[in-house]
Amino acid sequence: MGRTVSRTAVYVTIRRLEKKGLISSWMGDPTPERGGKARRYIELVAAGLEALRESRMAIDEMWRGVPIPEAQ
């Protein structure tokens, strides 16, 4: 979308999605390549997939009936 997002914003969003039960996350093992830091892994759970599908259907429904302007 052409804009930068801070790491803090990403981690806050991850925590919120976890609290809602839409994703799960866990920390992997630290690796030398990452300077001894662990990597966080994220998984979309069934409830998250269903919420994503419902959101997509709602957006598609909103766009239905909106005329597409012709290129000039």
PDB file of N, CA and C in Angstrom:
ATOM      1  N   MET A   1       0.814  -1.187   0.000  1.00  0.00           N
ATOM      2  CA  MET A   1       0.000   0.000   0.000  1.00  0.00           C
ATOM      3  C   MET A   1       0.865   1.261   0.000  1.00  0.00           C
ATOM      4  N   GLY A   2       2.158   1.069  -0.073  1.00  0.00           N
ATOM      5  CA  GLY A   2       3.031   2.204  -0.194  1.00  0.00           C
ATOM      6  C   GLY A   2       3.337   2.945   1.098  1.00  0.00           C
ATOM      7  N   ARG A   3       3.146   2.308   2.227  1.00  0.00           N
ATOM      8  CA  ARG A   3       3.475   2.982   3.484  1.00  0.00           C
ATOM      9  C   ARG A   3       4.221   2.023   4.396  1.00  0.00           C
ATOM     10  N   THR A   4       5.000   2.588   5.298  1.00  0.00           N
ATOM     11  CA  THR A   4       5.763   1.756   6.228  1.00  0.00           C
ATOM     12  C   THR A   4       4.928   1.472   7.471  1.00  0.00           C
ATOM     13  N   VAL A   5       5.222   0.340   8.084  1.00  0.00           N
ATOM     14  CA  VAL A   5       4.526  -0.070   9.301  1.00  0.00           C
ATOM     15  C   VAL A   5       5.595  -0.382  10.339  1.00  0.00           C
ATOM     16  N   SER A   6       5.404   0.123  11.549  1.00  0.00           N
ATOM     17  CA  SER A   6       6.394  -0.119  12.597  1.00  0.00           C
ATOM     18  C   SER A   6       6.272  -1.549  13.128  1.00  0.00           C
ATOM     19  N   ARG A   7       7.365  -2.063  13.635  1.00  0.00           N
ATOM     20  CA  ARG A   7       7.340  -3.401  14.244  1.00  0.00           C
ATOM     21  C   ARG A   7       6.371  -3.446  15.410  1.00  0.00           C
ATOM     22  N   THR A   8       6.347  -2.372  16.175  1.00  0.00           N
ATOM     23  CA  THR A   8       5.441  -2.320  17.324  1.00  0.00           C
ATOM     24  C   THR A   8       3.997  -2.516  16.885  1.00  0.00           C
ATOM     25  N   ALA A   9       3.602  -1.861  15.810  1.00  0.00           N
ATOM     26  CA  ALA A   9       2.235  -1.993  15.304  1.00  0.00           C
ATOM     27  C   ALA A   9       1.940  -3.431  14.903  1.00  0.00           C
ATOM     28  N   VAL A  10       2.924  -4.098  14.318  1.00  0.00           N
ATOM     29  CA  VAL A  10       2.741  -5.496  13.910  1.00  0.00           C
ATOM     30  C   VAL A  10       2.545  -6.384  15.133  1.00  0.00           C
ATOM     31  N   TYR A  11       3.389  -6.208  16.153  1.00  0.00           N
ATOM     32  CA  TYR A  11       3.280  -7.049  17.344  1.00  0.00           C
ATOM     33  C   TYR A  11       2.003  -6.774  18.131  1.00  0.00           C
ATOM     34  N   VAL A  12       1.559  -5.533  18.167  1.00  0.00           N
ATOM     35  CA  VAL A  12       0.288  -5.204  18.828  1.00  0.00           C
ATOM     36  C   VAL A  12      -0.853  -5.908  18.104  1.00  0.00           C
ATOM     37  N   THR A  13      -0.819  -5.869  16.776  1.00  0.00           N
ATOM     38  CA  THR A  13      -1.854  -6.527  15.986  1.00  0.00           C
ATOM     39  C   THR A  13      -1.839  -8.037  16.208  1.00  0.00           C
ATOM     40  N   ILE A  14      -0.661  -8.630  16.260  1.00  0.00           N
ATOM     41  CA  ILE A  14      -0.548 -10.070  16.519  1.00  0.00           C
ATOM     42  C   ILE A  14      -1.172 -10.400  17.868  1.00  0.00           C
ATOM     43  N   ARG A  15      -0.860  -9.619  18.899  1.00  0.00           N
ATOM     44  CA  ARG A  15      -1.431  -9.882  20.229  1.00  0.00           C
ATOM     45  C   ARG A  15      -2.947  -9.774  20.218  1.00  0.00           C
ATOM     46  N   ARG A  16      -3.473  -8.777  19.534  1.00  0.00           N
ATOM     47  CA  ARG A  16      -4.933  -8.607  19.469  1.00  0.00           C
ATOM     48  C   ARG A  16      -5.598  -9.780  18.766  1.00  0.00           C
ATOM     49  N   LEU A  17      -5.014 -10.224  17.652  1.00  0.00           N
ATOM     50  CA  LEU A  17      -5.581 -11.359  16.922  1.00  0.00           C
ATOM     51  C   LEU A  17      -5.510 -12.639  17.748  1.00  0.00           C
ATOM     52  N   GLU A  18      -4.435 -12.799  18.531  1.00  0.00           N
ATOM     53  CA  GLU A  18      -4.328 -13.965  19.413  1.00  0.00           C
ATOM     54  C   GLU A  18      -5.394 -13.923  20.502  1.00  0.00           C
ATOM     55  N   LYS A  19      -5.602 -12.761  21.101  1.00  0.00           N
ATOM     56  CA  LYS A  19      -6.611 -12.632  22.160  1.00  0.00           C
ATOM     57  C   LYS A  19      -8.004 -12.951  21.639  1.00  0.00           C
ATOM     58  N   LYS A  20      -8.245 -12.633  20.371  1.00  0.00           N
ATOM     59  CA  LYS A  20      -9.537 -12.928  19.750  1.00  0.00           C
ATOM     60  C   LYS A  20      -9.642 -14.387  19.312  1.00  0.00           C
ATOM     61  N   GLY A  21      -8.542 -15.138  19.402  1.00  0.00           N
ATOM     62  CA  GLY A  21      -8.557 -16.546  19.015  1.00  0.00           C
ATOM     63  C   GLY A  21      -8.518 -16.764  17.514  1.00  0.00           C
ATOM     64  N   LEU A  22      -8.002 -15.787  16.756  1.00  0.00           N
ATOM     65  CA  LEU A  22      -7.978 -15.900  15.302  1.00  0.00           C
ATOM     66  C   LEU A  22      -6.656 -16.442  14.767  1.00  0.00           C
ATOM     67  N   ILE A  23      -5.587 -16.269  15.549  1.00  0.00           N
ATOM     68  CA  ILE A  23      -4.273 -16.805  15.177  1.00  0.00           C
ATOM     69  C   ILE A  23      -3.619 -17.394  16.418  1.00  0.00           C
ATOM     70  N   SER A  24      -2.591 -18.179  16.201  1.00  0.00           N
ATOM     71  CA  SER A  24      -1.734 -18.608  17.307  1.00  0.00           C
ATOM     72  C   SER A  24      -0.304 -18.296  16.883  1.00  0.00           C
ATOM     73  N   SER A  25       0.547 -18.037  17.867  1.00  0.00           N
ATOM     74  CA  SER A  25       1.941 -17.770  17.549  1.00  0.00           C
ATOM     75  C   SER A  25       2.825 -18.430  18.588  1.00  0.00           C
ATOM     76  N   TRP A  26       4.056 -18.683  18.198  1.00  0.00           N
ATOM     77  CA  TRP A  26       5.028 -19.275  19.104  1.00  0.00           C
ATOM     78  C   TRP A  26       6.412 -18.835  18.674  1.00  0.00           C
ATOM     79  N   MET A  27       7.320 -18.912  19.603  1.00  0.00           N
ATOM     80  CA  MET A  27       8.705 -18.525  19.333  1.00  0.00           C
ATOM     81  C   MET A  27       9.502 -19.771  18.969  1.00  0.00           C
ATOM     82  N   GLY A  28      10.279 -19.661  17.902  1.00  0.00           N
ATOM     83  CA  GLY A  28      11.162 -20.747  17.501  1.00  0.00           C
ATOM     84  C   GLY A  28      12.456 -20.680  18.295  1.00  0.00           C
ATOM     85  N   ASP A  29      13.380 -21.528  17.955  1.00  0.00           N
ATOM     86  CA  ASP A  29      14.682 -21.545  18.620  1.00  0.00           C
ATOM     87  C   ASP A  29      15.545 -20.387  18.120  1.00  0.00           C
ATOM     88  N   PRO A  30      16.373 -19.842  18.994  1.00  0.00           N
ATOM     89  CA  PRO A  30      17.307 -18.802  18.556  1.00  0.00           C
ATOM     90  C   PRO A  30      18.296 -19.372  17.533  1.00  0.00           C
ATOM     91  N   THR A  31      18.693 -18.551  16.577  1.00  0.00           N
ATOM     92  CA  THR A  31      19.645 -19.004  15.561  1.00  0.00           C
ATOM     93  C   THR A  31      20.803 -18.017  15.464  1.00  0.00           C
ATOM     94  N   PRO A  32      21.982 -18.526  15.145  1.00  0.00           N
ATOM     95  CA  PRO A  32      23.138 -17.640  14.980  1.00  0.00           C
ATOM     96  C   PRO A  32      22.932 -16.617  13.856  1.00  0.00           C
ATOM     97  N   GLU A  33      22.211 -17.022  12.802  1.00  0.00           N
ATOM     98  CA  GLU A  33      21.970 -16.127  11.669  1.00  0.00           C
ATOM     99  C   GLU A  33      21.181 -14.886  12.085  1.00  0.00           C
ATOM    100  N   ARG A  34      20.375 -15.028  13.124  1.00  0.00           N
ATOM    101  CA  ARG A  34      19.564 -13.902  13.604  1.00  0.00           C
ATOM    102  C   ARG A  34      20.199 -13.243  14.829  1.00  0.00           C
ATOM    103  N   GLY A  35      21.480 -13.476  15.023  1.00  0.00           N
ATOM    104  CA  GLY A  35      22.163 -12.869  16.161  1.00  0.00           C
ATOM    105  C   GLY A  35      21.700 -13.436  17.495  1.00  0.00           C
ATOM    106  N   GLY A  36      21.282 -14.702  17.491  1.00  0.00           N
ATOM    107  CA  GLY A  36      20.826 -15.347  18.712  1.00  0.00           C
ATOM    108  C   GLY A  36      19.372 -15.064  19.053  1.00  0.00           C
ATOM    109  N   LYS A  37      18.666 -14.373  18.160  1.00  0.00           N
ATOM    110  CA  LYS A  37      17.254 -14.059  18.409  1.00  0.00           C
ATOM    111  C   LYS A  37      16.363 -15.179  17.877  1.00  0.00           C
ATOM    112  N   ALA A  38      15.268 -15.387  18.585  1.00  0.00           N
ATOM    113  CA  ALA A  38      14.288 -16.378  18.144  1.00  0.00           C
ATOM    114  C   ALA A  38      13.341 -15.742  17.133  1.00  0.00           C
ATOM    115  N   ARG A  39      12.784 -16.555  16.272  1.00  0.00           N
ATOM    116  CA  ARG A  39      11.804 -16.089  15.291  1.00  0.00           C
ATOM    117  C   ARG A  39      10.406 -16.416  15.789  1.00  0.00           C
ATOM    118  N   ARG A  40       9.471 -15.483  15.598  1.00  0.00           N
ATOM    119  CA  ARG A  40       8.070 -15.726  15.960  1.00  0.00           C
ATOM    120  C   ARG A  40       7.357 -16.319  14.745  1.00  0.00           C
ATOM    121  N   TYR A  41       6.647 -17.404  14.956  1.00  0.00           N
ATOM    122  CA  TYR A  41       5.864 -18.049  13.914  1.00  0.00           C
ATOM    123  C   TYR A  41       4.390 -17.793  14.185  1.00  0.00           C
ATOM    124  N   ILE A  42       3.642 -17.580  13.119  1.00  0.00           N
ATOM    125  CA  ILE A  42       2.219 -17.263  13.208  1.00  0.00           C
ATOM    126  C   ILE A  42       1.437 -18.312  12.423  1.00  0.00           C
ATOM    127  N   GLU A  43       0.311 -18.753  13.001  1.00  0.00           N
ATOM    128  CA  GLU A  43      -0.556 -19.707  12.301  1.00  0.00           C
ATOM    129  C   GLU A  43      -1.992 -19.203  12.356  1.00  0.00           C
ATOM    130  N   LEU A  44      -2.655 -19.227  11.213  1.00  0.00           N
ATOM    131  CA  LEU A  44      -4.069 -18.887  11.140  1.00  0.00           C
ATOM    132  C   LEU A  44      -4.856 -20.108  11.605  1.00  0.00           C
ATOM    133  N   VAL A  45      -5.691 -19.945  12.629  1.00  0.00           N
ATOM    134  CA  VAL A  45      -6.474 -21.068  13.143  1.00  0.00           C
ATOM    135  C   VAL A  45      -7.847 -21.075  12.473  1.00  0.00           C
ATOM    136  N   ALA A  46      -8.630 -22.112  12.695  1.00  0.00           N
ATOM    137  CA  ALA A  46      -9.921 -22.278  12.015  1.00  0.00           C
ATOM    138  C   ALA A  46     -10.822 -21.065  12.196  1.00  0.00           C
ATOM    139  N   ALA A  47     -10.895 -20.526  13.408  1.00  0.00           N
ATOM    140  CA  ALA A  47     -11.750 -19.355  13.655  1.00  0.00           C
ATOM    141  C   ALA A  47     -11.258 -18.156  12.851  1.00  0.00           C
ATOM    142  N   GLY A  48      -9.956 -18.013  12.704  1.00  0.00           N
ATOM    143  CA  GLY A  48      -9.394 -16.926  11.923  1.00  0.00           C
ATOM    144  C   GLY A  48      -9.701 -17.063  10.451  1.00  0.00           C
ATOM    145  N   LEU A  49      -9.629 -18.282   9.950  1.00  0.00           N
ATOM    146  CA  LEU A  49      -9.949 -18.533   8.549  1.00  0.00           C
ATOM    147  C   LEU A  49     -11.415 -18.211   8.277  1.00  0.00           C
ATOM    148  N   GLU A  50     -12.287 -18.604   9.183  1.00  0.00           N
ATOM    149  CA  GLU A  50     -13.717 -18.320   9.023  1.00  0.00           C
ATOM    150  C   GLU A  50     -13.971 -16.814   9.063  1.00  0.00           C
ATOM    151  N   ALA A  51     -13.324 -16.100   9.975  1.00  0.00           N
ATOM    152  CA  ALA A  51     -13.478 -14.648  10.059  1.00  0.00           C
ATOM    153  C   ALA A  51     -12.973 -13.981   8.777  1.00  0.00           C
ATOM    154  N   LEU A  52     -11.882 -14.493   8.236  1.00  0.00           N
ATOM    155  CA  LEU A  52     -11.336 -13.960   6.991  1.00  0.00           C
ATOM    156  C   LEU A  52     -12.302 -14.178   5.837  1.00  0.00           C
ATOM    157  N   ARG A  53     -12.891 -15.362   5.772  1.00  0.00           N
ATOM    158  CA  ARG A  53     -13.872 -15.654   4.718  1.00  0.00           C
ATOM    159  C   ARG A  53     -15.091 -14.742   4.832  1.00  0.00           C
ATOM    160  N   GLU A  54     -15.587 -14.563   6.059  1.00  0.00           N
ATOM    161  CA  GLU A  54     -16.757 -13.697   6.269  1.00  0.00           C
ATOM    162  C   GLU A  54     -16.437 -12.256   5.878  1.00  0.00           C
ATOM    163  N   SER A  55     -15.258 -11.803   6.225  1.00  0.00           N
ATOM    164  CA  SER A  55     -14.843 -10.449   5.880  1.00  0.00           C
ATOM    165  C   SER A  55     -14.761 -10.281   4.366  1.00  0.00           C
ATOM    166  N   ARG A  56     -14.181 -11.265   3.702  1.00  0.00           N
ATOM    167  CA  ARG A  56     -14.065 -11.214   2.243  1.00  0.00           C
ATOM    168  C   ARG A  56     -15.432 -11.192   1.583  1.00  0.00           C
ATOM    169  N   MET A  57     -16.362 -12.005   2.085  1.00  0.00           N
ATOM    170  CA  MET A  57     -17.709 -12.028   1.508  1.00  0.00           C
ATOM    171  C   MET A  57     -18.405 -10.687   1.713  1.00  0.00           C
ATOM    172  N   ALA A  58     -18.225 -10.071   2.878  1.00  0.00           N
ATOM    173  CA  ALA A  58     -18.836  -8.768   3.145  1.00  0.00           C
ATOM    174  C   ALA A  58     -18.277  -7.704   2.210  1.00  0.00           C
ATOM    175  N   ILE A  59     -16.973  -7.715   1.998  1.00  0.00           N
ATOM    176  CA  ILE A  59     -16.353  -6.744   1.089  1.00  0.00           C
ATOM    177  C   ILE A  59     -16.823  -6.978  -0.342  1.00  0.00           C
ATOM    178  N   ASP A  60     -16.862  -8.235  -0.762  1.00  0.00           N
ATOM    179  CA  ASP A  60     -17.339  -8.550  -2.112  1.00  0.00           C
ATOM    180  C   ASP A  60     -18.777  -8.079  -2.292  1.00  0.00           C
ATOM    181  N   GLU A  61     -19.596  -8.257  -1.274  1.00  0.00           N
ATOM    182  CA  GLU A  61     -21.002  -7.845  -1.335  1.00  0.00           C
ATOM    183  C   GLU A  61     -21.113  -6.320  -1.443  1.00  0.00           C
ATOM    184  N   MET A  62     -20.258  -5.608  -0.732  1.00  0.00           N
ATOM    185  CA  MET A  62     -20.277  -4.145  -0.816  1.00  0.00           C
ATOM    186  C   MET A  62     -19.916  -3.676  -2.218  1.00  0.00           C
ATOM    187  N   TRP A  63     -18.966  -4.354  -2.871  1.00  0.00           N
ATOM    188  CA  TRP A  63     -18.540  -3.957  -4.207  1.00  0.00           C
ATOM    189  C   TRP A  63     -19.561  -4.333  -5.278  1.00  0.00           C
ATOM    190  N   ARG A  64     -20.389  -5.339  -4.983  1.00  0.00           N
ATOM    191  CA  ARG A  64     -21.388  -5.758  -5.966  1.00  0.00           C
ATOM    192  C   ARG A  64     -22.328  -4.584  -6.230  1.00  0.00           C
ATOM    193  N   GLY A  65     -22.550  -4.293  -7.454  1.00  0.00           N
ATOM    194  CA  GLY A  65     -23.456  -3.201  -7.807  1.00  0.00           C
ATOM    195  C   GLY A  65     -22.764  -1.856  -7.949  1.00  0.00           C
ATOM    196  N   VAL A  66     -21.478  -1.770  -7.564  1.00  0.00           N
ATOM    197  CA  VAL A  66     -20.748  -0.518  -7.766  1.00  0.00           C
ATOM    198  C   VAL A  66     -20.184  -0.542  -9.183  1.00  0.00           C
ATOM    199  N   PRO A  67     -20.575   0.394 -10.006  1.00  0.00           N
ATOM    200  CA  PRO A  67     -20.100   0.367 -11.385  1.00  0.00           C
ATOM    201  C   PRO A  67     -18.587   0.632 -11.462  1.00  0.00           C
ATOM    202  N   ILE A  68     -17.943  -0.049 -12.397  1.00  0.00           N
ATOM    203  CA  ILE A  68     -16.516   0.157 -12.618  1.00  0.00           C
ATOM    204  C   ILE A  68     -16.380   1.253 -13.670  1.00  0.00           C
ATOM    205  N   PRO A  69     -15.722   2.345 -13.333  1.00  0.00           N
ATOM    206  CA  PRO A  69     -15.582   3.426 -14.325  1.00  0.00           C
ATOM    207  C   PRO A  69     -14.703   2.975 -15.495  1.00  0.00           C
ATOM    208  N   GLU A  70     -15.039   3.446 -16.647  1.00  0.00           N
ATOM    209  CA  GLU A  70     -14.252   3.109 -17.838  1.00  0.00           C
ATOM    210  C   GLU A  70     -12.991   3.953 -17.866  1.00  0.00           C
ATOM    211  N   ALA A  71     -11.916   3.343 -18.384  1.00  0.00           N
ATOM    212  CA  ALA A  71     -10.638   4.066 -18.507  1.00  0.00           C
ATOM    213  C   ALA A  71     -10.788   5.191 -19.519  1.00  0.00           C
ATOM    214  N   GLN A  72     -10.115   6.275 -19.250  1.00  0.00           N
ATOM    215  CA  GLN A  72     -10.220   7.425 -20.171  1.00  0.00           C
ATOM    216  C   GLN A  72      -8.981   7.564 -21.005  1.00  0.00           C
TER     217      GLN A  72
END
